[in-house]
Amino acid sequence: MNLEELGIRAGDQVRFRRKPEGRWLLGTAQRREKDGSLGVRDAKGAARAIPVELVEVRCRGPRGALTWEPLPERAARTEQLKLL
C-alpha cells in the first residue's frame, strides 16, 4: 500500500485527530504504515500513525477556496493521473 492509492503524496498538508472527539492538529503526510494507517509528521516534528478515518486533506473547493476533504472520500474517488 502506498500514498498514491489514497490520492495524496508525501508532503501534502493534512489535519488529523488523535481521537474521534479530539481537536484538529496540523501535519504533513509521510507514508503509509503496515497496518493501513497514515504516517503523519506533526507541527512539532513528531511522527504519528493515524487511522485514515481521522485524517482530512487540504484541497481547493469548487470555487477555488481552500478547504478540507476527508481522506476516505478522496481515496474512494477515482482521478485521472497526471502525465510525467
Protein backbone atom coordinates (compact mmCIF):
# COMPACT_ATOMS: atom_id res chain seq x y z
CA MET A 1 0.00 0.00 0.00
CA ASN A 2 1.22 3.48 -0.80
CA LEU A 3 0.05 7.07 -0.58
CA GLU A 4 -0.99 7.25 -4.24
CA GLU A 5 -3.72 4.68 -3.53
CA LEU A 6 -5.23 7.24 -1.14
CA GLY A 7 -4.96 10.07 -3.67
CA ILE A 8 -2.25 12.01 -1.82
CA ARG A 9 1.53 12.46 -1.97
CA ALA A 10 4.26 12.70 0.65
CA GLY A 11 4.40 16.26 1.92
CA ASP A 12 0.69 17.06 1.40
CA GLN A 13 -0.77 19.12 4.22
CA VAL A 14 -3.26 17.24 6.37
CA ARG A 15 -5.10 17.74 9.62
CA PHE A 16 -5.83 14.89 11.97
CA ARG A 17 -7.36 13.92 15.27
CA ARG A 18 -5.70 11.52 17.66
CA LYS A 19 -9.16 10.50 18.98
CA PRO A 20 -12.53 10.84 17.20
CA GLU A 21 -13.63 13.56 19.63
CA GLY A 22 -10.23 15.30 19.77
CA ARG A 23 -9.25 18.65 18.31
CA TRP A 24 -7.71 19.04 14.87
CA LEU A 25 -3.91 19.11 14.61
CA LEU A 26 -1.90 20.08 11.52
CA GLY A 27 0.74 17.90 9.91
CA THR A 28 2.14 16.55 6.66
CA ALA A 29 1.58 13.13 5.10
CA GLN A 30 4.74 10.99 5.13
CA ARG A 31 3.99 7.34 4.34
CA ARG A 32 1.50 4.50 4.59
CA GLU A 33 2.01 2.28 7.62
CA LYS A 34 1.85 -1.54 7.53
CA ASP A 35 -1.45 -1.54 9.45
CA GLY A 36 -3.07 0.73 6.82
CA SER A 37 -2.91 3.94 8.85
CA LEU A 38 -1.31 7.13 7.59
CA GLY A 39 2.16 8.14 8.78
CA VAL A 40 1.98 11.85 9.64
CA ARG A 41 4.64 14.32 10.81
CA ASP A 42 3.01 16.84 13.17
CA ALA A 43 3.89 20.53 13.61
CA LYS A 44 6.44 19.70 16.33
CA GLY A 45 8.21 17.15 14.13
CA ALA A 46 6.90 14.04 15.88
CA ALA A 47 5.90 11.04 13.75
CA ARG A 48 2.37 9.72 14.24
CA ALA A 49 0.40 6.79 12.81
CA ILE A 50 -3.19 7.98 12.42
CA PRO A 51 -6.17 5.92 11.20
CA VAL A 52 -7.32 7.11 7.77
CA GLU A 53 -10.80 7.90 9.14
CA LEU A 54 -9.34 10.62 11.39
CA VAL A 55 -7.49 12.49 8.61
CA GLU A 56 -8.56 15.32 6.30
CA VAL A 57 -6.56 16.63 3.33
CA ARG A 58 -6.12 20.27 2.26
CA CYS A 59 -7.68 20.89 -1.17
CA ARG A 60 -9.36 23.51 -3.34
CA GLY A 61 -13.16 23.67 -3.29
CA PRO A 62 -15.38 24.07 -6.36
CA ARG A 63 -14.96 27.86 -6.31
CA GLY A 64 -11.24 27.82 -5.60
CA ALA A 65 -11.32 28.35 -1.83
CA LEU A 66 -9.02 26.27 0.36
CA THR A 67 -10.96 23.65 2.31
CA TRP A 68 -10.54 20.23 3.97
CA GLU A 69 -11.66 16.93 2.45
CA PRO A 70 -11.98 13.70 4.49
CA LEU A 71 -9.28 11.26 3.36
CA PRO A 72 -11.67 8.27 2.96
CA GLU A 73 -13.73 10.34 0.48
CA ARG A 74 -10.64 11.23 -1.53
CA ALA A 75 -9.45 7.61 -1.53
CA ALA A 76 -12.84 6.40 -2.82
CA ARG A 77 -12.85 8.88 -5.72
CA THR A 78 -11.12 7.92 -8.92
CA GLU A 79 -8.94 10.56 -10.59
CA GLN A 80 -7.10 10.96 -13.83
CA LEU A 81 -3.37 10.52 -13.19
CA LYS A 82 -1.05 13.32 -14.27
CA LEU A 83 1.33 12.73 -17.16
CA LEU A 84 5.02 12.95 -16.38
